[in-house]
Amino acid sequence: MQLLIILLFILAFASFALHITLIKRWLVQFVILAVLGLGFYFAYPYAIEQSYTSFRTTIDNQQIVSNFLVLQIIECIMGLLFCIFLIRDFYKERTIAIFRYFKLFPGIVILPALFYAENIVFITIHGLNFQFLAVLIAIIVPLFIFGLIKLISWLIPEYDLRLELKFILHILQLVLSVVISVKLFALPVNSSVGEMNYIPLTVLLVLLLVMGRIGVYLHHRKMNKLIKSKL
């Protein structure tokens, strides 16, 4: 269960970084990262009070995890709608104006994810003053996210491709939330005896990646022809 929650946190962090790359104004990016850094600093008195055991107890609490999953699912649905809106807006199609303000909403699940990461740092690193360590975290983490944003923008310069990747991340979050729900509530599922054969799954994933890349290439080729025809 703990590993699945951590994977959900990692996906939330990746989605957050992708979301920031969609904001074109660097001042808005700076404000979001500055607020994040301040949040790290002011949260450290609560982070140092937590322990590995307390996190395990929280994860084993069915009510807390179920509320978290509901929040995650709602955020994913909003993120999917946001991606659909921006894709339509990118291609100059008619959209609802209120969705434009969703750019200023990078997510909620990122907050417990970063709080968990901060707590792990306090548990792992010894011999340093907690306040000094909190200042380091408040500076280093926003700078790391800023560097990650620039790296993503450099690796994936296409705006619409970053949107599609964010869309996929939200789908993965939804799938993982369902898996955690099944495990949490011990829902009945069909199972088979014996070891799982990973070869068909690997082939399927490779085919999905290849076909996805081919689809992106054909899509860009079609759009380039469409743009040239309008010139």
C-alpha atoms as a PDB file:
ATOM      1  CA  MET A   1       0.000   0.000   0.000  1.00  0.00           C
ATOM      2  CA  GLN A   2       2.775   2.436   0.920  1.00  0.00           C
ATOM      3  CA  LEU A   3       4.539   1.865  -2.409  1.00  0.00           C
ATOM      4  CA  LEU A   4       1.323   2.589  -4.330  1.00  0.00           C
ATOM      5  CA  ILE A   5       0.793   5.823  -2.393  1.00  0.00           C
ATOM      6  CA  ILE A   6       4.389   6.877  -3.144  1.00  0.00           C
ATOM      7  CA  LEU A   7       3.829   6.142  -6.850  1.00  0.00           C
ATOM      8  CA  LEU A   8       0.722   8.323  -6.698  1.00  0.00           C
ATOM      9  CA  PHE A   9       2.833  11.097  -5.137  1.00  0.00           C
ATOM     10  CA  ILE A  10       5.438  10.760  -7.907  1.00  0.00           C
ATOM     11  CA  LEU A  11       2.749  11.031 -10.588  1.00  0.00           C
ATOM     12  CA  ALA A  12       1.333  14.099  -8.809  1.00  0.00           C
ATOM     13  CA  PHE A  13       4.798  15.691  -8.799  1.00  0.00           C
ATOM     14  CA  ALA A  14       5.284  14.971 -12.524  1.00  0.00           C
ATOM     15  CA  SER A  15       1.834  16.364 -13.316  1.00  0.00           C
ATOM     16  CA  PHE A  16       2.608  19.474 -11.255  1.00  0.00           C
ATOM     17  CA  ALA A  17       5.868  20.109 -13.141  1.00  0.00           C
ATOM     18  CA  LEU A  18       4.109  19.635 -16.490  1.00  0.00           C
ATOM     19  CA  HIS A  19       1.343  21.997 -15.402  1.00  0.00           C
ATOM     20  CA  ILE A  20       3.842  24.763 -14.607  1.00  0.00           C
ATOM     21  CA  THR A  21       5.372  24.425 -18.094  1.00  0.00           C
ATOM     22  CA  LEU A  22       1.951  25.270 -19.554  1.00  0.00           C
ATOM     23  CA  ILE A  23       2.013  28.688 -17.860  1.00  0.00           C
ATOM     24  CA  LYS A  24       3.662  31.076 -20.302  1.00  0.00           C
ATOM     25  CA  ARG A  25       4.217  33.991 -17.910  1.00  0.00           C
ATOM     26  CA  TRP A  26       7.429  33.466 -15.960  1.00  0.00           C
ATOM     27  CA  LEU A  27       6.183  35.790 -13.191  1.00  0.00           C
ATOM     28  CA  VAL A  28       3.266  33.449 -12.440  1.00  0.00           C
ATOM     29  CA  GLN A  29       5.688  30.500 -12.389  1.00  0.00           C
ATOM     30  CA  PHE A  30       7.926  32.409  -9.969  1.00  0.00           C
ATOM     31  CA  VAL A  31       5.001  33.228  -7.641  1.00  0.00           C
ATOM     32  CA  ILE A  32       3.853  29.580  -7.543  1.00  0.00           C
ATOM     33  CA  LEU A  33       7.373  28.324  -6.778  1.00  0.00           C
ATOM     34  CA  ALA A  34       7.895  31.073  -4.169  1.00  0.00           C
ATOM     35  CA  VAL A  35       4.650  30.114  -2.410  1.00  0.00           C
ATOM     36  CA  LEU A  36       5.799  26.489  -2.550  1.00  0.00           C
ATOM     37  CA  GLY A  37       9.113  27.411  -0.910  1.00  0.00           C
ATOM     38  CA  LEU A  38       7.346  29.365   1.840  1.00  0.00           C
ATOM     39  CA  GLY A  39       5.040  26.405   2.368  1.00  0.00           C
ATOM     40  CA  PHE A  40       8.054  24.142   2.882  1.00  0.00           C
ATOM     41  CA  TYR A  41       9.507  26.501   5.471  1.00  0.00           C
ATOM     42  CA  PHE A  42       6.347  27.064   7.504  1.00  0.00           C
ATOM     43  CA  ALA A  43       5.427  23.361   7.392  1.00  0.00           C
ATOM     44  CA  TYR A  44       8.680  22.147   8.940  1.00  0.00           C
ATOM     45  CA  PRO A  45       7.472  22.363  12.598  1.00  0.00           C
ATOM     46  CA  TYR A  46       4.737  19.875  11.691  1.00  0.00           C
ATOM     47  CA  ALA A  47       7.040  17.735   9.526  1.00  0.00           C
ATOM     48  CA  ILE A  48       9.581  17.175  12.313  1.00  0.00           C
ATOM     49  CA  GLU A  49       6.818  15.914  14.611  1.00  0.00           C
ATOM     50  CA  GLN A  50       6.010  13.073  12.215  1.00  0.00           C
ATOM     51  CA  SER A  51       7.795   9.740  12.074  1.00  0.00           C
ATOM     52  CA  TYR A  52       7.918   6.782   9.734  1.00  0.00           C
ATOM     53  CA  THR A  53       5.565   4.922  12.060  1.00  0.00           C
ATOM     54  CA  SER A  54       3.024   7.755  12.044  1.00  0.00           C
ATOM     55  CA  PHE A  55       2.967   7.731   8.242  1.00  0.00           C
ATOM     56  CA  ARG A  56       2.423   3.973   8.229  1.00  0.00           C
ATOM     57  CA  THR A  57      -0.431   4.458  10.688  1.00  0.00           C
ATOM     58  CA  THR A  58      -1.952   7.168   8.473  1.00  0.00           C
ATOM     59  CA  ILE A  59      -1.689   4.987   5.373  1.00  0.00           C
ATOM     60  CA  ASP A  60      -3.351   2.108   7.225  1.00  0.00           C
ATOM     61  CA  ASN A  61      -6.248   4.390   8.222  1.00  0.00           C
ATOM     62  CA  GLN A  62      -9.007   3.478   5.772  1.00  0.00           C
ATOM     63  CA  GLN A  63     -10.991   6.694   6.286  1.00  0.00           C
ATOM     64  CA  ILE A  64      -8.027   9.019   5.641  1.00  0.00           C
ATOM     65  CA  VAL A  65      -6.859   7.133   2.556  1.00  0.00           C
ATOM     66  CA  SER A  66     -10.384   6.946   1.127  1.00  0.00           C
ATOM     67  CA  ASN A  67     -10.802  10.729   1.539  1.00  0.00           C
ATOM     68  CA  PHE A  68      -7.434  11.227  -0.124  1.00  0.00           C
ATOM     69  CA  LEU A  69      -8.444   9.012  -3.053  1.00  0.00           C
ATOM     70  CA  VAL A  70     -11.697  10.952  -3.513  1.00  0.00           C
ATOM     71  CA  LEU A  71      -9.670  14.168  -3.619  1.00  0.00           C
ATOM     72  CA  GLN A  72      -7.253  12.588  -6.095  1.00  0.00           C
ATOM     73  CA  ILE A  73     -10.048  11.419  -8.400  1.00  0.00           C
ATOM     74  CA  ILE A  74     -11.741  14.843  -8.361  1.00  0.00           C
ATOM     75  CA  GLU A  75      -8.429  16.525  -9.154  1.00  0.00           C
ATOM     76  CA  CYS A  76      -7.773  14.074 -12.010  1.00  0.00           C
ATOM     77  CA  ILE A  77     -11.193  14.736 -13.538  1.00  0.00           C
ATOM     78  CA  MET A  78     -10.573  18.488 -13.331  1.00  0.00           C
ATOM     79  CA  GLY A  79      -7.125  17.971 -14.857  1.00  0.00           C
ATOM     80  CA  LEU A  80      -8.558  15.959 -17.752  1.00  0.00           C
ATOM     81  CA  LEU A  81     -11.144  18.660 -18.449  1.00  0.00           C
ATOM     82  CA  PHE A  82      -8.397  21.262 -18.234  1.00  0.00           C
ATOM     83  CA  CYS A  83      -6.255  19.383 -20.774  1.00  0.00           C
ATOM     84  CA  ILE A  84      -9.195  18.995 -23.167  1.00  0.00           C
ATOM     85  CA  PHE A  85      -9.933  22.714 -22.896  1.00  0.00           C
ATOM     86  CA  LEU A  86      -6.337  23.755 -23.553  1.00  0.00           C
ATOM     87  CA  ILE A  87      -6.037  21.409 -26.536  1.00  0.00           C
ATOM     88  CA  ARG A  88      -9.214  22.900 -28.031  1.00  0.00           C
ATOM     89  CA  ASP A  89      -8.005  26.409 -27.210  1.00  0.00           C
ATOM     90  CA  PHE A  90      -4.619  25.658 -28.810  1.00  0.00           C
ATOM     91  CA  TYR A  91      -6.347  24.771 -32.083  1.00  0.00           C
ATOM     92  CA  LYS A  92      -8.550  27.889 -31.861  1.00  0.00           C
ATOM     93  CA  GLU A  93     -11.759  25.975 -31.205  1.00  0.00           C
ATOM     94  CA  ARG A  94     -14.664  27.276 -29.157  1.00  0.00           C
ATOM     95  CA  THR A  95     -14.141  26.782 -25.409  1.00  0.00           C
ATOM     96  CA  ILE A  96     -15.567  27.833 -22.037  1.00  0.00           C
ATOM     97  CA  ALA A  97     -13.781  30.925 -20.719  1.00  0.00           C
ATOM     98  CA  ILE A  98     -13.778  29.832 -17.057  1.00  0.00           C
ATOM     99  CA  PHE A  99     -11.304  27.030 -17.797  1.00  0.00           C
ATOM    100  CA  ARG A 100      -8.611  29.641 -18.475  1.00  0.00           C
ATOM    101  CA  TYR A 101      -8.341  30.252 -14.734  1.00  0.00           C
ATOM    102  CA  PHE A 102      -7.482  26.583 -14.149  1.00  0.00           C
ATOM    103  CA  LYS A 103      -3.930  27.389 -15.221  1.00  0.00           C
ATOM    104  CA  LEU A 104      -3.489  28.986 -11.802  1.00  0.00           C
ATOM    105  CA  PHE A 105      -4.529  25.732 -10.088  1.00  0.00           C
ATOM    106  CA  PRO A 106      -1.522  23.375 -10.170  1.00  0.00           C
ATOM    107  CA  GLY A 107      -3.207  20.797  -7.939  1.00  0.00           C
ATOM    108  CA  ILE A 108      -3.879  19.833  -4.329  1.00  0.00           C
ATOM    109  CA  VAL A 109      -2.392  16.326  -4.101  1.00  0.00           C
ATOM    110  CA  ILE A 110       1.053  17.840  -4.673  1.00  0.00           C
ATOM    111  CA  LEU A 111       0.845  19.334  -1.148  1.00  0.00           C
ATOM    112  CA  PRO A 112       0.759  16.027   0.811  1.00  0.00           C
ATOM    113  CA  ALA A 113       3.287  14.617  -1.676  1.00  0.00           C
ATOM    114  CA  LEU A 114       5.799  17.382  -0.951  1.00  0.00           C
ATOM    115  CA  PHE A 115       5.045  17.263   2.790  1.00  0.00           C
ATOM    116  CA  TYR A 116       5.840  13.539   2.737  1.00  0.00           C
ATOM    117  CA  ALA A 117       9.107  14.255   0.880  1.00  0.00           C
ATOM    118  CA  GLU A 118      10.042  16.945   3.419  1.00  0.00           C
ATOM    119  CA  ASN A 119       9.372  14.585   6.296  1.00  0.00           C
ATOM    120  CA  ILE A 120      11.552  11.881   4.706  1.00  0.00           C
ATOM    121  CA  VAL A 121      14.397  14.415   4.465  1.00  0.00           C
ATOM    122  CA  PHE A 122      14.093  15.252   8.183  1.00  0.00           C
ATOM    123  CA  ILE A 123      14.047  11.554   9.090  1.00  0.00           C
ATOM    124  CA  THR A 124      17.021  10.694   6.865  1.00  0.00           C
ATOM    125  CA  ILE A 125      19.401  13.617   7.513  1.00  0.00           C
ATOM    126  CA  HIS A 126      20.844  13.932  11.017  1.00  0.00           C
ATOM    127  CA  GLY A 127      23.174  16.428  12.672  1.00  0.00           C
ATOM    128  CA  LEU A 128      21.710  19.613  11.140  1.00  0.00           C
ATOM    129  CA  ASN A 129      19.525  22.249  12.733  1.00  0.00           C
ATOM    130  CA  PHE A 130      15.898  21.703  11.692  1.00  0.00           C
ATOM    131  CA  GLN A 131      15.320  25.364  10.850  1.00  0.00           C
ATOM    132  CA  PHE A 132      18.483  25.545   8.746  1.00  0.00           C
ATOM    133  CA  LEU A 133      17.487  22.344   6.959  1.00  0.00           C
ATOM    134  CA  ALA A 134      14.007  23.779   6.336  1.00  0.00           C
ATOM    135  CA  VAL A 135      15.566  26.877   4.739  1.00  0.00           C
ATOM    136  CA  LEU A 136      17.710  24.659   2.499  1.00  0.00           C
ATOM    137  CA  ILE A 137      14.665  22.648   1.430  1.00  0.00           C
ATOM    138  CA  ALA A 138      12.657  25.835   0.789  1.00  0.00           C
ATOM    139  CA  ILE A 139      15.415  27.052  -1.560  1.00  0.00           C
ATOM    140  CA  ILE A 140      16.623  23.843  -3.216  1.00  0.00           C
ATOM    141  CA  VAL A 141      13.255  22.243  -4.038  1.00  0.00           C
ATOM    142  CA  PRO A 142      11.795  25.254  -5.946  1.00  0.00           C
ATOM    143  CA  LEU A 143      15.111  25.614  -7.807  1.00  0.00           C
ATOM    144  CA  PHE A 144      15.026  21.900  -8.654  1.00  0.00           C
ATOM    145  CA  ILE A 145      11.445  22.189  -9.916  1.00  0.00           C
ATOM    146  CA  PHE A 146      12.412  25.265 -11.950  1.00  0.00           C
ATOM    147  CA  GLY A 147      15.276  23.317 -13.534  1.00  0.00           C
ATOM    148  CA  LEU A 148      12.934  20.390 -14.194  1.00  0.00           C
ATOM    149  CA  ILE A 149      10.468  22.761 -15.879  1.00  0.00           C
ATOM    150  CA  LYS A 150      13.182  24.075 -18.187  1.00  0.00           C
ATOM    151  CA  LEU A 151      14.329  20.517 -18.944  1.00  0.00           C
ATOM    152  CA  ILE A 152      10.797  19.404 -19.838  1.00  0.00           C
ATOM    153  CA  SER A 153      10.306  22.470 -22.042  1.00  0.00           C
ATOM    154  CA  TRP A 154      13.594  21.710 -23.793  1.00  0.00           C
ATOM    155  CA  LEU A 155      12.900  17.989 -24.269  1.00  0.00           C
ATOM    156  CA  ILE A 156       9.252  18.522 -25.270  1.00  0.00           C
ATOM    157  CA  PRO A 157       9.023  21.973 -26.886  1.00  0.00           C
ATOM    158  CA  GLU A 158       5.622  21.196 -28.444  1.00  0.00           C
ATOM    159  CA  TYR A 159       2.902  22.725 -26.264  1.00  0.00           C
ATOM    160  CA  ASP A 160       0.206  20.285 -27.391  1.00  0.00           C
ATOM    161  CA  LEU A 161       2.467  17.278 -26.797  1.00  0.00           C
ATOM    162  CA  ARG A 162       3.027  18.359 -23.184  1.00  0.00           C
ATOM    163  CA  LEU A 163      -0.745  18.618 -22.815  1.00  0.00           C
ATOM    164  CA  GLU A 164      -1.193  15.090 -24.136  1.00  0.00           C
ATOM    165  CA  LEU A 165       1.454  13.823 -21.719  1.00  0.00           C
ATOM    166  CA  LYS A 166      -0.311  15.531 -18.805  1.00  0.00           C
ATOM    167  CA  PHE A 167      -3.570  13.940 -19.962  1.00  0.00           C
ATOM    168  CA  ILE A 168      -1.915  10.497 -19.853  1.00  0.00           C
ATOM    169  CA  LEU A 169      -0.519  11.174 -16.371  1.00  0.00           C
ATOM    170  CA  HIS A 170      -4.005  11.968 -15.070  1.00  0.00           C
ATOM    171  CA  ILE A 171      -5.317   8.717 -16.552  1.00  0.00           C
ATOM    172  CA  LEU A 172      -2.502   6.812 -14.814  1.00  0.00           C
ATOM    173  CA  GLN A 173      -3.421   8.550 -11.555  1.00  0.00           C
ATOM    174  CA  LEU A 174      -7.035   7.448 -11.958  1.00  0.00           C
ATOM    175  CA  VAL A 175      -6.008   3.855 -12.672  1.00  0.00           C
ATOM    176  CA  LEU A 176      -3.673   3.796  -9.675  1.00  0.00           C
ATOM    177  CA  SER A 177      -6.405   5.274  -7.466  1.00  0.00           C
ATOM    178  CA  VAL A 178      -8.710   2.425  -8.503  1.00  0.00           C
ATOM    179  CA  VAL A 179      -5.985  -0.135  -7.728  1.00  0.00           C
ATOM    180  CA  ILE A 180      -5.434   1.387  -4.284  1.00  0.00           C
ATOM    181  CA  SER A 181      -9.198   1.383  -3.648  1.00  0.00           C
ATOM    182  CA  VAL A 182      -9.419  -2.310  -4.527  1.00  0.00           C
ATOM    183  CA  LYS A 183      -6.540  -3.098  -2.175  1.00  0.00           C
ATOM    184  CA  LEU A 184      -7.784  -0.786   0.573  1.00  0.00           C
ATOM    185  CA  PHE A 185     -11.351  -2.080   0.724  1.00  0.00           C
ATOM    186  CA  ALA A 186     -10.374  -5.675  -0.120  1.00  0.00           C
ATOM    187  CA  LEU A 187     -12.789  -5.761  -3.048  1.00  0.00           C
ATOM    188  CA  PRO A 188     -13.197  -9.208  -4.636  1.00  0.00           C
ATOM    189  CA  VAL A 189     -11.180  -9.654  -7.838  1.00  0.00           C
ATOM    190  CA  ASN A 190     -10.535 -12.668  -9.998  1.00  0.00           C
ATOM    191  CA  SER A 191      -7.049 -14.113  -9.602  1.00  0.00           C
ATOM    192  CA  SER A 192      -5.105 -16.932 -11.196  1.00  0.00           C
ATOM    193  CA  VAL A 193      -2.669 -19.356  -9.655  1.00  0.00           C
ATOM    194  CA  GLY A 194       0.897 -19.274 -10.919  1.00  0.00           C
ATOM    195  CA  GLU A 195       3.537 -16.756 -11.886  1.00  0.00           C
ATOM    196  CA  MET A 196       2.662 -13.867 -14.136  1.00  0.00           C
ATOM    197  CA  ASN A 197       4.104 -13.865 -17.640  1.00  0.00           C
ATOM    198  CA  TYR A 198       5.610 -10.413 -18.148  1.00  0.00           C
ATOM    199  CA  ILE A 199       6.540 -10.894 -21.828  1.00  0.00           C
ATOM    200  CA  PRO A 200       3.040 -10.138 -23.253  1.00  0.00           C
ATOM    201  CA  LEU A 201       2.748  -7.102 -20.967  1.00  0.00           C
ATOM    202  CA  THR A 202       6.162  -5.822 -22.079  1.00  0.00           C
ATOM    203  CA  VAL A 203       5.259  -6.304 -25.743  1.00  0.00           C
ATOM    204  CA  LEU A 204       1.973  -4.464 -25.177  1.00  0.00           C
ATOM    205  CA  LEU A 205       3.713  -1.509 -23.516  1.00  0.00           C
ATOM    206  CA  VAL A 206       6.312  -1.300 -26.300  1.00  0.00           C
ATOM    207  CA  LEU A 207       3.573  -1.404 -28.939  1.00  0.00           C
ATOM    208  CA  LEU A 208       1.650   1.327 -27.126  1.00  0.00           C
ATOM    209  CA  LEU A 209       4.734   3.546 -27.007  1.00  0.00           C
ATOM    210  CA  VAL A 210       5.583   2.918 -30.669  1.00  0.00           C
ATOM    211  CA  MET A 211       2.021   3.446 -31.877  1.00  0.00           C
ATOM    212  CA  GLY A 212       1.718   6.540 -29.703  1.00  0.00           C
ATOM    213  CA  ARG A 213       4.875   8.003 -31.192  1.00  0.00           C
ATOM    214  CA  ILE A 214       3.662   7.205 -34.713  1.00  0.00           C
ATOM    215  CA  GLY A 215       0.338   8.857 -33.908  1.00  0.00           C
ATOM    216  CA  VAL A 216       2.092  12.002 -32.653  1.00  0.00           C
ATOM    217  CA  TYR A 217       4.242  12.122 -35.810  1.00  0.00           C
ATOM    218  CA  LEU A 218       1.238  11.719 -38.125  1.00  0.00           C
ATOM    219  CA  HIS A 219      -0.696  14.298 -36.122  1.00  0.00           C
ATOM    220  CA  HIS A 220       2.074  16.890 -36.440  1.00  0.00           C
ATOM    221  CA  ARG A 221       2.480  16.089 -40.126  1.00  0.00           C
ATOM    222  CA  LYS A 222      -1.233  16.608 -40.689  1.00  0.00           C
ATOM    223  CA  MET A 223      -1.230  19.886 -38.757  1.00  0.00           C
ATOM    224  CA  ASN A 224       1.799  21.182 -40.690  1.00  0.00           C
ATOM    225  CA  LYS A 225       0.026  20.445 -43.978  1.00  0.00           C
ATOM    226  CA  LEU A 226      -3.094  22.175 -42.669  1.00  0.00           C
ATOM    227  CA  ILE A 227      -1.120  25.258 -41.625  1.00  0.00           C
ATOM    228  CA  LYS A 228       0.688  25.418 -44.977  1.00  0.00           C
ATOM    229  CA  SER A 229      -2.605  25.124 -46.854  1.00  0.00           C
ATOM    230  CA  LYS A 230      -3.973  28.153 -44.991  1.00  0.00           C
ATOM    231  CA  LEU A 231      -0.933  30.299 -45.782  1.00  0.00           C
END
